[in-house]
Each structure stands twice: as structure tokens, then as C-alpha cells.
Full PDB file with SEQRES, HELIX, SHEET, SSBOND, CRYST1, ORIGX, SCALE, CONECT and MASTER records, all heavy atoms in Angstrom:
SEQRES   1 A   37  ALA PRO ALA THR ALA ILE VAL ARG GLU LEU ARG LEU PRO          
SEQRES   2 A   37  ARG THR VAL LEU GLY VAL LEU VAL GLY LEU ALA LEU GLY          
SEQRES   3 A   37  ALA ALA GLY ALA LEU ILE GLN GLY HIS THR ARG                  
HELIX    1 AA1 PRO A    2  ALA A    5  1                                   4    
HELIX    2 AA2 ILE A    6  ARG A   11  3                                   6    
HELIX    3 AA3 LEU A   12  THR A   36  1                                  25    
CRYST1    1.000    1.000    1.000  90.00  90.00  90.00 P 1           1          
ORIGX1      1.000000  0.000000  0.000000        0.00000                         
ORIGX2      0.000000  1.000000  0.000000        0.00000                         
ORIGX3      0.000000  0.000000  1.000000        0.00000                         
SCALE1      1.000000  0.000000  0.000000        0.00000                         
SCALE2      0.000000  1.000000  0.000000        0.00000                         
SCALE3      0.000000  0.000000  1.000000        0.00000                         
ATOM      1  N   ALA A   1    -172.243 -72.422  40.884  1.00  0.00           N  
ATOM      2  CA  ALA A   1    -171.753 -73.349  41.908  1.00  0.00           C  
ATOM      3  C   ALA A   1    -171.823 -74.789  41.403  1.00  0.00           C  
ATOM      4  O   ALA A   1    -172.860 -75.204  40.859  1.00  0.00           O  
ATOM      5  CB  ALA A   1    -172.562 -73.215  43.192  1.00  0.00           C  
ATOM      6  N   PRO A   2    -170.753 -75.578  41.575  1.00  0.00           N  
ATOM      7  CA  PRO A   2    -170.787 -76.987  41.140  1.00  0.00           C  
ATOM      8  C   PRO A   2    -171.887 -77.787  41.831  1.00  0.00           C  
ATOM      9  O   PRO A   2    -172.458 -78.698  41.238  1.00  0.00           O  
ATOM     10  CB  PRO A   2    -169.392 -77.505  41.521  1.00  0.00           C  
ATOM     11  CG  PRO A   2    -168.538 -76.291  41.612  1.00  0.00           C  
ATOM     12  CD  PRO A   2    -169.426 -75.199  42.095  1.00  0.00           C  
ATOM     13  N   ALA A   3    -172.179 -77.447  43.091  1.00  0.00           N  
ATOM     14  CA  ALA A   3    -173.203 -78.185  43.832  1.00  0.00           C  
ATOM     15  C   ALA A   3    -174.571 -78.075  43.168  1.00  0.00           C  
ATOM     16  O   ALA A   3    -175.384 -78.999  43.233  1.00  0.00           O  
ATOM     17  CB  ALA A   3    -173.277 -77.687  45.272  1.00  0.00           C  
ATOM     18  N   THR A   4    -174.834 -76.951  42.510  1.00  0.00           N  
ATOM     19  CA  THR A   4    -176.126 -76.763  41.859  1.00  0.00           C  
ATOM     20  C   THR A   4    -176.339 -77.770  40.737  1.00  0.00           C  
ATOM     21  O   THR A   4    -177.402 -78.399  40.634  1.00  0.00           O  
ATOM     22  CB  THR A   4    -176.229 -75.330  41.306  1.00  0.00           C  
ATOM     23  OG1 THR A   4    -176.108 -74.396  42.384  1.00  0.00           O  
ATOM     24  CG2 THR A   4    -177.561 -75.128  40.603  1.00  0.00           C  
ATOM     25  N   ALA A   5    -175.338 -77.931  39.908  1.00  0.00           N  
ATOM     26  CA  ALA A   5    -175.457 -78.892  38.802  1.00  0.00           C  
ATOM     27  C   ALA A   5    -175.548 -80.315  39.318  1.00  0.00           C  
ATOM     28  O   ALA A   5    -176.327 -81.132  38.810  1.00  0.00           O  
ATOM     29  CB  ALA A   5    -174.259 -78.747  37.869  1.00  0.00           C  
ATOM     30  N   ILE A   6    -174.760 -80.632  40.344  1.00  0.00           N  
ATOM     31  CA  ILE A   6    -174.764 -81.986  40.893  1.00  0.00           C  
ATOM     32  C   ILE A   6    -176.127 -82.336  41.467  1.00  0.00           C  
ATOM     33  O   ILE A   6    -176.688 -83.414  41.201  1.00  0.00           O  
ATOM     34  CB  ILE A   6    -173.671 -82.131  41.972  1.00  0.00           C  
ATOM     35  CG1 ILE A   6    -172.285 -82.028  41.330  1.00  0.00           C  
ATOM     36  CG2 ILE A   6    -173.817 -83.457  42.707  1.00  0.00           C  
ATOM     37  CD1 ILE A   6    -171.163 -81.987  42.351  1.00  0.00           C  
ATOM     38  N   VAL A   7    -176.689 -81.414  42.258  1.00  0.00           N  
ATOM     39  CA  VAL A   7    -177.954 -81.696  42.954  1.00  0.00           C  
ATOM     40  C   VAL A   7    -179.133 -81.637  41.994  1.00  0.00           C  
ATOM     41  O   VAL A   7    -179.939 -82.573  41.907  1.00  0.00           O  
ATOM     42  CB  VAL A   7    -178.152 -80.718  44.127  1.00  0.00           C  
ATOM     43  CG1 VAL A   7    -179.564 -80.870  44.713  1.00  0.00           C  
ATOM     44  CG2 VAL A   7    -177.110 -80.954  45.207  1.00  0.00           C  
ATOM     45  N   ARG A   8    -179.256 -80.566  41.249  1.00  0.00           N  
ATOM     46  CA  ARG A   8    -180.465 -80.340  40.468  1.00  0.00           C  
ATOM     47  C   ARG A   8    -180.512 -81.173  39.196  1.00  0.00           C  
ATOM     48  O   ARG A   8    -181.606 -81.566  38.750  1.00  0.00           O  
ATOM     49  CB  ARG A   8    -180.599 -78.846  40.136  1.00  0.00           C  
ATOM     50  CG  ARG A   8    -180.777 -77.970  41.372  1.00  0.00           C  
ATOM     51  CD  ARG A   8    -180.930 -76.517  40.977  1.00  0.00           C  
ATOM     52  NE  ARG A   8    -182.198 -76.268  40.327  1.00  0.00           N  
ATOM     53  CZ  ARG A   8    -183.336 -75.960  40.971  1.00  0.00           C  
ATOM     54  NH1 ARG A   8    -183.348 -75.891  42.287  1.00  0.00           N  
ATOM     55  NH2 ARG A   8    -184.438 -75.730  40.299  1.00  0.00           N  
ATOM     56  N   GLU A   9    -179.387 -81.444  38.590  1.00  0.00           N  
ATOM     57  CA  GLU A   9    -179.393 -82.171  37.326  1.00  0.00           C  
ATOM     58  C   GLU A   9    -179.172 -83.666  37.477  1.00  0.00           C  
ATOM     59  O   GLU A   9    -179.648 -84.450  36.644  1.00  0.00           O  
ATOM     60  CB  GLU A   9    -178.313 -81.587  36.394  1.00  0.00           C  
ATOM     61  CG  GLU A   9    -178.568 -80.142  36.014  1.00  0.00           C  
ATOM     62  CD  GLU A   9    -177.478 -79.594  35.107  1.00  0.00           C  
ATOM     63  OE1 GLU A   9    -176.692 -80.411  34.575  1.00  0.00           O  
ATOM     64  OE2 GLU A   9    -177.406 -78.364  34.938  1.00  0.00           O  
ATOM     65  N   LEU A  10    -178.475 -84.078  38.531  1.00  0.00           N  
ATOM     66  CA  LEU A  10    -178.150 -85.496  38.695  1.00  0.00           C  
ATOM     67  C   LEU A  10    -178.900 -86.150  39.844  1.00  0.00           C  
ATOM     68  O   LEU A  10    -179.601 -87.151  39.661  1.00  0.00           O  
ATOM     69  CB  LEU A  10    -176.635 -85.660  38.887  1.00  0.00           C  
ATOM     70  CG  LEU A  10    -175.751 -85.189  37.729  1.00  0.00           C  
ATOM     71  CD1 LEU A  10    -174.282 -85.331  38.095  1.00  0.00           C  
ATOM     72  CD2 LEU A  10    -176.056 -85.975  36.466  1.00  0.00           C  
ATOM     73  N   ARG A  11    -178.752 -85.606  41.031  1.00  0.00           N  
ATOM     74  CA  ARG A  11    -179.258 -86.307  42.218  1.00  0.00           C  
ATOM     75  C   ARG A  11    -180.721 -86.052  42.512  1.00  0.00           C  
ATOM     76  O   ARG A  11    -181.415 -86.949  43.018  1.00  0.00           O  
ATOM     77  CB  ARG A  11    -178.403 -85.941  43.439  1.00  0.00           C  
ATOM     78  CG  ARG A  11    -176.968 -86.411  43.312  1.00  0.00           C  
ATOM     79  CD  ARG A  11    -176.161 -86.088  44.539  1.00  0.00           C  
ATOM     80  NE  ARG A  11    -174.749 -86.414  44.324  1.00  0.00           N  
ATOM     81  CZ  ARG A  11    -173.769 -86.087  45.161  1.00  0.00           C  
ATOM     82  NH1 ARG A  11    -174.058 -85.413  46.269  1.00  0.00           N  
ATOM     83  NH2 ARG A  11    -172.520 -86.406  44.895  1.00  0.00           N  
ATOM     84  N   LEU A  12    -181.227 -84.870  42.226  1.00  0.00           N  
ATOM     85  CA  LEU A  12    -182.631 -84.586  42.543  1.00  0.00           C  
ATOM     86  C   LEU A  12    -183.594 -85.440  41.718  1.00  0.00           C  
ATOM     87  O   LEU A  12    -184.515 -86.051  42.284  1.00  0.00           O  
ATOM     88  CB  LEU A  12    -182.923 -83.093  42.353  1.00  0.00           C  
ATOM     89  CG  LEU A  12    -184.320 -82.631  42.793  1.00  0.00           C  
ATOM     90  CD1 LEU A  12    -184.552 -82.940  44.264  1.00  0.00           C  
ATOM     91  CD2 LEU A  12    -184.486 -81.130  42.545  1.00  0.00           C  
ATOM     92  N   PRO A  13    -183.438 -85.545  40.391  1.00  0.00           N  
ATOM     93  CA  PRO A  13    -184.334 -86.444  39.645  1.00  0.00           C  
ATOM     94  C   PRO A  13    -184.233 -87.892  40.106  1.00  0.00           C  
ATOM     95  O   PRO A  13    -185.241 -88.597  40.180  1.00  0.00           O  
ATOM     96  CB  PRO A  13    -183.845 -86.287  38.194  1.00  0.00           C  
ATOM     97  CG  PRO A  13    -183.163 -84.972  38.148  1.00  0.00           C  
ATOM     98  CD  PRO A  13    -182.515 -84.809  39.489  1.00  0.00           C  
ATOM     99  N   ARG A  14    -183.010 -88.328  40.431  1.00  0.00           N  
ATOM    100  CA  ARG A  14    -182.814 -89.698  40.900  1.00  0.00           C  
ATOM    101  C   ARG A  14    -183.497 -89.921  42.251  1.00  0.00           C  
ATOM    102  O   ARG A  14    -184.114 -90.967  42.480  1.00  0.00           O  
ATOM    103  CB  ARG A  14    -181.312 -89.943  41.004  1.00  0.00           C  
ATOM    104  CG  ARG A  14    -180.913 -91.314  41.487  1.00  0.00           C  
ATOM    105  CD  ARG A  14    -179.425 -91.462  41.356  1.00  0.00           C  
ATOM    106  NE  ARG A  14    -178.943 -92.760  41.782  1.00  0.00           N  
ATOM    107  CZ  ARG A  14    -177.737 -93.235  41.502  1.00  0.00           C  
ATOM    108  NH1 ARG A  14    -176.890 -92.511  40.798  1.00  0.00           N  
ATOM    109  NH2 ARG A  14    -177.367 -94.428  41.924  1.00  0.00           N  
ATOM    110  N   THR A  15    -183.412 -88.930  43.130  1.00  0.00           N  
ATOM    111  CA  THR A  15    -184.035 -89.057  44.450  1.00  0.00           C  
ATOM    112  C   THR A  15    -185.548 -89.047  44.351  1.00  0.00           C  
ATOM    113  O   THR A  15    -186.238 -89.832  45.026  1.00  0.00           O  
ATOM    114  CB  THR A  15    -183.557 -87.916  45.361  1.00  0.00           C  
ATOM    115  OG1 THR A  15    -182.127 -87.979  45.484  1.00  0.00           O  
ATOM    116  CG2 THR A  15    -184.183 -88.017  46.742  1.00  0.00           C  
ATOM    117  N   VAL A  16    -186.099 -88.162  43.522  1.00  0.00           N  
ATOM    118  CA  VAL A  16    -187.553 -88.115  43.335  1.00  0.00           C  
ATOM    119  C   VAL A  16    -188.067 -89.447  42.802  1.00  0.00           C  
ATOM    120  O   VAL A  16    -189.079 -89.982  43.282  1.00  0.00           O  
ATOM    121  CB  VAL A  16    -187.937 -86.962  42.392  1.00  0.00           C  
ATOM    122  CG1 VAL A  16    -189.409 -87.049  42.016  1.00  0.00           C  
ATOM    123  CG2 VAL A  16    -187.640 -85.625  43.048  1.00  0.00           C  
ATOM    124  N   LEU A  17    -187.364 -90.000  41.824  1.00  0.00           N  
ATOM    125  CA  LEU A  17    -187.763 -91.296  41.282  1.00  0.00           C  
ATOM    126  C   LEU A  17    -187.650 -92.381  42.346  1.00  0.00           C  
ATOM    127  O   LEU A  17    -188.516 -93.265  42.436  1.00  0.00           O  
ATOM    128  CB  LEU A  17    -186.900 -91.646  40.073  1.00  0.00           C  
ATOM    129  CG  LEU A  17    -187.246 -92.962  39.361  1.00  0.00           C  
ATOM    130  CD1 LEU A  17    -188.667 -92.924  38.815  1.00  0.00           C  
ATOM    131  CD2 LEU A  17    -186.256 -93.255  38.247  1.00  0.00           C  
ATOM    132  N   GLY A  18    -186.597 -92.314  43.177  1.00  0.00           N  
ATOM    133  CA  GLY A  18    -186.444 -93.295  44.247  1.00  0.00           C  
ATOM    134  C   GLY A  18    -187.591 -93.247  45.239  1.00  0.00           C  
ATOM    135  O   GLY A  18    -188.072 -94.286  45.709  1.00  0.00           O  
ATOM    136  N   VAL A  19    -188.041 -92.043  45.575  1.00  0.00           N  
ATOM    137  CA  VAL A  19    -189.181 -91.903  46.487  1.00  0.00           C  
ATOM    138  C   VAL A  19    -190.436 -92.508  45.868  1.00  0.00           C  
ATOM    139  O   VAL A  19    -191.175 -93.266  46.521  1.00  0.00           O  
ATOM    140  CB  VAL A  19    -189.404 -90.417  46.838  1.00  0.00           C  
ATOM    141  CG1 VAL A  19    -190.721 -90.239  47.597  1.00  0.00           C  
ATOM    142  CG2 VAL A  19    -188.254 -89.885  47.678  1.00  0.00           C  
ATOM    143  N   LEU A  20    -190.706 -92.174  44.608  1.00  0.00           N  
ATOM    144  CA  LEU A  20    -191.899 -92.683  43.938  1.00  0.00           C  
ATOM    145  C   LEU A  20    -191.883 -94.210  43.844  1.00  0.00           C  
ATOM    146  O   LEU A  20    -192.881 -94.882  44.156  1.00  0.00           O  
ATOM    147  CB  LEU A  20    -192.017 -92.082  42.540  1.00  0.00           C  
ATOM    148  CG  LEU A  20    -192.340 -90.589  42.456  1.00  0.00           C  
ATOM    149  CD1 LEU A  20    -192.295 -90.118  41.015  1.00  0.00           C  
ATOM    150  CD2 LEU A  20    -193.708 -90.304  43.070  1.00  0.00           C  
ATOM    151  N   VAL A  21    -190.756 -94.764  43.406  1.00  0.00           N  
ATOM    152  CA  VAL A  21    -190.663 -96.214  43.240  1.00  0.00           C  
ATOM    153  C   VAL A  21    -190.727 -96.917  44.596  1.00  0.00           C  
ATOM    154  O   VAL A  21    -191.377 -97.962  44.734  1.00  0.00           O  
ATOM    155  CB  VAL A  21    -189.364 -96.576  42.494  1.00  0.00           C  
ATOM    156  CG1 VAL A  21    -189.112 -98.077  42.519  1.00  0.00           C  
ATOM    157  CG2 VAL A  21    -189.443 -96.083  41.059  1.00  0.00           C  
ATOM    158  N   GLY A  22    -190.073 -96.357  45.612  1.00  0.00           N  
ATOM    159  CA  GLY A  22    -190.132 -96.958  46.942  1.00  0.00           C  
ATOM    160  C   GLY A  22    -191.536 -96.958  47.518  1.00  0.00           C  
ATOM    161  O   GLY A  22    -191.992 -97.955  48.086  1.00  0.00           O  
ATOM    162  N   LEU A  23    -192.241 -95.829  47.372  1.00  0.00           N  
ATOM    163  CA  LEU A  23    -193.640 -95.769  47.809  1.00  0.00           C  
ATOM    164  C   LEU A  23    -194.473 -96.827  47.098  1.00  0.00           C  
ATOM    165  O   LEU A  23    -195.292 -97.525  47.722  1.00  0.00           O  
ATOM    166  CB  LEU A  23    -194.218 -94.384  47.541  1.00  0.00           C  
ATOM    167  CG  LEU A  23    -193.717 -93.211  48.372  1.00  0.00           C  
ATOM    168  CD1 LEU A  23    -194.237 -91.898  47.819  1.00  0.00           C  
ATOM    169  CD2 LEU A  23    -194.116 -93.367  49.837  1.00  0.00           C  
ATOM    170  N   ALA A  24    -194.263 -96.934  45.790  1.00  0.00           N  
ATOM    171  CA  ALA A  24    -195.066 -97.862  44.989  1.00  0.00           C  
ATOM    172  C   ALA A  24    -194.811 -99.307  45.384  1.00  0.00           C  
ATOM    173  O   ALA A  24    -195.751-100.088  45.606  1.00  0.00           O  
ATOM    174  CB  ALA A  24    -194.759 -97.653  43.506  1.00  0.00           C  
ATOM    175  N   LEU A  25    -193.547 -99.705  45.483  1.00  0.00           N  
ATOM    176  CA  LEU A  25    -193.236-101.102  45.790  1.00  0.00           C  
ATOM    177  C   LEU A  25    -193.593-101.465  47.227  1.00  0.00           C  
ATOM    178  O   LEU A  25    -194.025-102.592  47.497  1.00  0.00           O  
ATOM    179  CB  LEU A  25    -191.751-101.358  45.538  1.00  0.00           C  
ATOM    180  CG  LEU A  25    -191.310-101.320  44.063  1.00  0.00           C  
ATOM    181  CD1 LEU A  25    -189.816-101.536  43.950  1.00  0.00           C  
ATOM    182  CD2 LEU A  25    -192.069-102.365  43.246  1.00  0.00           C  
ATOM    183  N   GLY A  26    -193.438-100.528  48.155  1.00  0.00           N  
ATOM    184  CA  GLY A  26    -193.821-100.810  49.536  1.00  0.00           C  
ATOM    185  C   GLY A  26    -195.314-101.047  49.679  1.00  0.00           C  
ATOM    186  O   GLY A  26    -195.763-102.015  50.306  1.00  0.00           O  
ATOM    187  N   ALA A  27    -196.111-100.151  49.069  1.00  0.00           N  
ATOM    188  CA  ALA A  27    -197.565-100.315  49.136  1.00  0.00           C  
ATOM    189  C   ALA A  27    -198.012-101.558  48.376  1.00  0.00           C  
ATOM    190  O   ALA A  27    -198.894-102.295  48.838  1.00  0.00           O  
ATOM    191  CB  ALA A  27    -198.252 -99.071  48.561  1.00  0.00           C  
ATOM    192  N   ALA A  28    -197.407-101.824  47.215  1.00  0.00           N  
ATOM    193  CA  ALA A  28    -197.777-103.011  46.434  1.00  0.00           C  
ATOM    194  C   ALA A  28    -197.455-104.287  47.192  1.00  0.00           C  
ATOM    195  O   ALA A  28    -198.200-105.274  47.129  1.00  0.00           O  
ATOM    196  CB  ALA A  28    -197.041-102.996  45.092  1.00  0.00           C  
ATOM    197  N   GLY A  29    -196.341-104.292  47.923  1.00  0.00           N  
ATOM    198  CA  GLY A  29    -195.997-105.475  48.717  1.00  0.00           C  
ATOM    199  C   GLY A  29    -197.026-105.762  49.793  1.00  0.00           C  
ATOM    200  O   GLY A  29    -197.418-106.923  49.998  1.00  0.00           O  
ATOM    201  N   ALA A  30    -197.478-104.719  50.481  1.00  0.00           N  
ATOM    202  CA  ALA A  30    -198.512-104.915  51.506  1.00  0.00           C  
ATOM    203  C   ALA A  30    -199.812-105.416  50.896  1.00  0.00           C  
ATOM    204  O   ALA A  30    -200.497-106.282  51.462  1.00  0.00           O  
ATOM    205  CB  ALA A  30    -198.748-103.604  52.260  1.00  0.00           C  
ATOM    206  N   LEU A  31    -200.163-104.889  49.718  1.00  0.00           N  
ATOM    207  CA  LEU A  31    -201.390-105.321  49.059  1.00  0.00           C  
ATOM    208  C   LEU A  31    -201.319-106.780  48.624  1.00  0.00           C  
ATOM    209  O   LEU A  31    -202.267-107.557  48.862  1.00  0.00           O  
ATOM    210  CB  LEU A  31    -201.660-104.439  47.839  1.00  0.00           C  
ATOM    211  CG  LEU A  31    -202.212-103.039  48.093  1.00  0.00           C  
ATOM    212  CD1 LEU A  31    -202.228-102.248  46.792  1.00  0.00           C  
ATOM    213  CD2 LEU A  31    -203.608-103.100  48.694  1.00  0.00           C  
ATOM    214  N   ILE A  32    -200.234-107.167  47.982  1.00  0.00           N  
ATOM    215  CA  ILE A  32    -200.159-108.533  47.459  1.00  0.00           C  
ATOM    216  C   ILE A  32    -200.102-109.552  48.586  1.00  0.00           C  
ATOM    217  O   ILE A  32    -200.694-110.623  48.495  1.00  0.00           O  
ATOM    218  CB  ILE A  32    -198.956-108.693  46.499  1.00  0.00           C  
ATOM    219  CG1 ILE A  32    -199.043-110.023  45.757  1.00  0.00           C  
ATOM    220  CG2 ILE A  32    -197.641-108.565  47.226  1.00  0.00           C  
ATOM    221  CD1 ILE A  32    -200.203-110.188  44.853  1.00  0.00           C  
ATOM    222  N   GLN A  33    -199.424-109.229  49.685  1.00  0.00           N  
ATOM    223  CA  GLN A  33    -199.406-110.161  50.816  1.00  0.00           C  
ATOM    224  C   GLN A  33    -200.781-110.258  51.459  1.00  0.00           C  
ATOM    225  O   GLN A  33    -201.180-111.332  51.933  1.00  0.00           O  
ATOM    226  CB  GLN A  33    -198.363-109.713  51.841  1.00  0.00           C  
ATOM    227  CG  GLN A  33    -196.932-109.916  51.358  1.00  0.00           C  
ATOM    228  CD  GLN A  33    -195.890-109.473  52.364  1.00  0.00           C  
ATOM    229  OE1 GLN A  33    -196.208-109.177  53.515  1.00  0.00           O  
ATOM    230  NE2 GLN A  33    -194.644-109.412  51.944  1.00  0.00           N  
ATOM    231  N   GLY A  34    -201.517-109.156  51.473  1.00  0.00           N  
ATOM    232  CA  GLY A  34    -202.860-109.194  52.033  1.00  0.00           C  
ATOM    233  C   GLY A  34    -203.835-109.956  51.153  1.00  0.00           C  
ATOM    234  O   GLY A  34    -204.626-110.768  51.642  1.00  0.00           O  
ATOM    235  N   HIS A  35    -203.783-109.742  49.846  1.00  0.00           N  
ATOM    236  CA  HIS A  35    -204.742-110.391  48.948  1.00  0.00           C  
ATOM    237  C   HIS A  35    -204.447-111.874  48.767  1.00  0.00           C  
ATOM    238  O   HIS A  35    -205.377-112.659  48.559  1.00  0.00           O  
ATOM    239  CB  HIS A  35    -204.750-109.690  47.589  1.00  0.00           C  
ATOM    240  CG  HIS A  35    -205.635-108.491  47.544  1.00  0.00           C  
ATOM    241  ND1 HIS A  35    -207.006-108.576  47.453  1.00  0.00           N  
ATOM    242  CD2 HIS A  35    -205.348-107.166  47.617  1.00  0.00           C  
ATOM    243  CE1 HIS A  35    -207.527-107.365  47.450  1.00  0.00           C  
ATOM    244  NE2 HIS A  35    -206.549-106.489  47.542  1.00  0.00           N  
ATOM    245  N   THR A  36    -203.195-112.257  48.806  1.00  0.00           N  
ATOM    246  CA  THR A  36    -202.872-113.679  48.648  1.00  0.00           C  
ATOM    247  C   THR A  36    -202.785-114.393  49.984  1.00  0.00           C  
ATOM    248  O   THR A  36    -202.715-115.624  50.019  1.00  0.00           O  
ATOM    249  CB  THR A  36    -201.538-113.857  47.907  1.00  0.00           C  
ATOM    250  OG1 THR A  36    -200.483-113.288  48.675  1.00  0.00           O  
ATOM    251  CG2 THR A  36    -201.588-113.215  46.533  1.00  0.00           C  
ATOM    252  N   ARG A  37    -202.799-113.629  51.073  1.00  0.00           N  
ATOM    253  CA  ARG A  37    -202.588-114.184  52.429  1.00  0.00           C  
ATOM    254  C   ARG A  37    -201.340-115.062  52.452  1.00  0.00           C  
ATOM    255  O   ARG A  37    -201.310-116.114  53.077  1.00  0.00           O  
ATOM    256  CB  ARG A  37    -203.829-114.960  52.893  1.00  0.00           C  
ATOM    257  CG  ARG A  37    -204.985-114.048  53.260  1.00  0.00           C  
ATOM    258  CD  ARG A  37    -206.133-114.809  53.878  1.00  0.00           C  
ATOM    259  NE  ARG A  37    -206.908-115.510  52.862  1.00  0.00           N  
ATOM    260  CZ  ARG A  37    -207.767-116.491  53.122  1.00  0.00           C  
ATOM    261  NH1 ARG A  37    -207.924-116.916  54.366  1.00  0.00           N  
ATOM    262  NH2 ARG A  37    -208.435-117.065  52.145  1.00  0.00           N  
TER     263      ARG A  37                                                      
MASTER        0    0    0    3    0    0    0    6  262    1    0    3          
END                                                                             
């Protein structure tokens, strides 16, 4: 199925990375605003 290659090889790694980076930058933003006030 074409959808398998599209999702598993292209979009799934990109989405997983997006989740990780978004979690990281969101939490880092809260930390830096708190520590620097």
C-alpha cells in the first residue's frame, strides 16, 4: 500500500521528532522564563 511507505518512512519519523522537539522547547521556555523572571 502506498500509504504504508508515506506514513512509516516519511511522516512518522518527522512526527515523532516534532513531538520530542516541541516537548523540549515548551518545557525549556517555561524554565528559562521562571529562572530569569
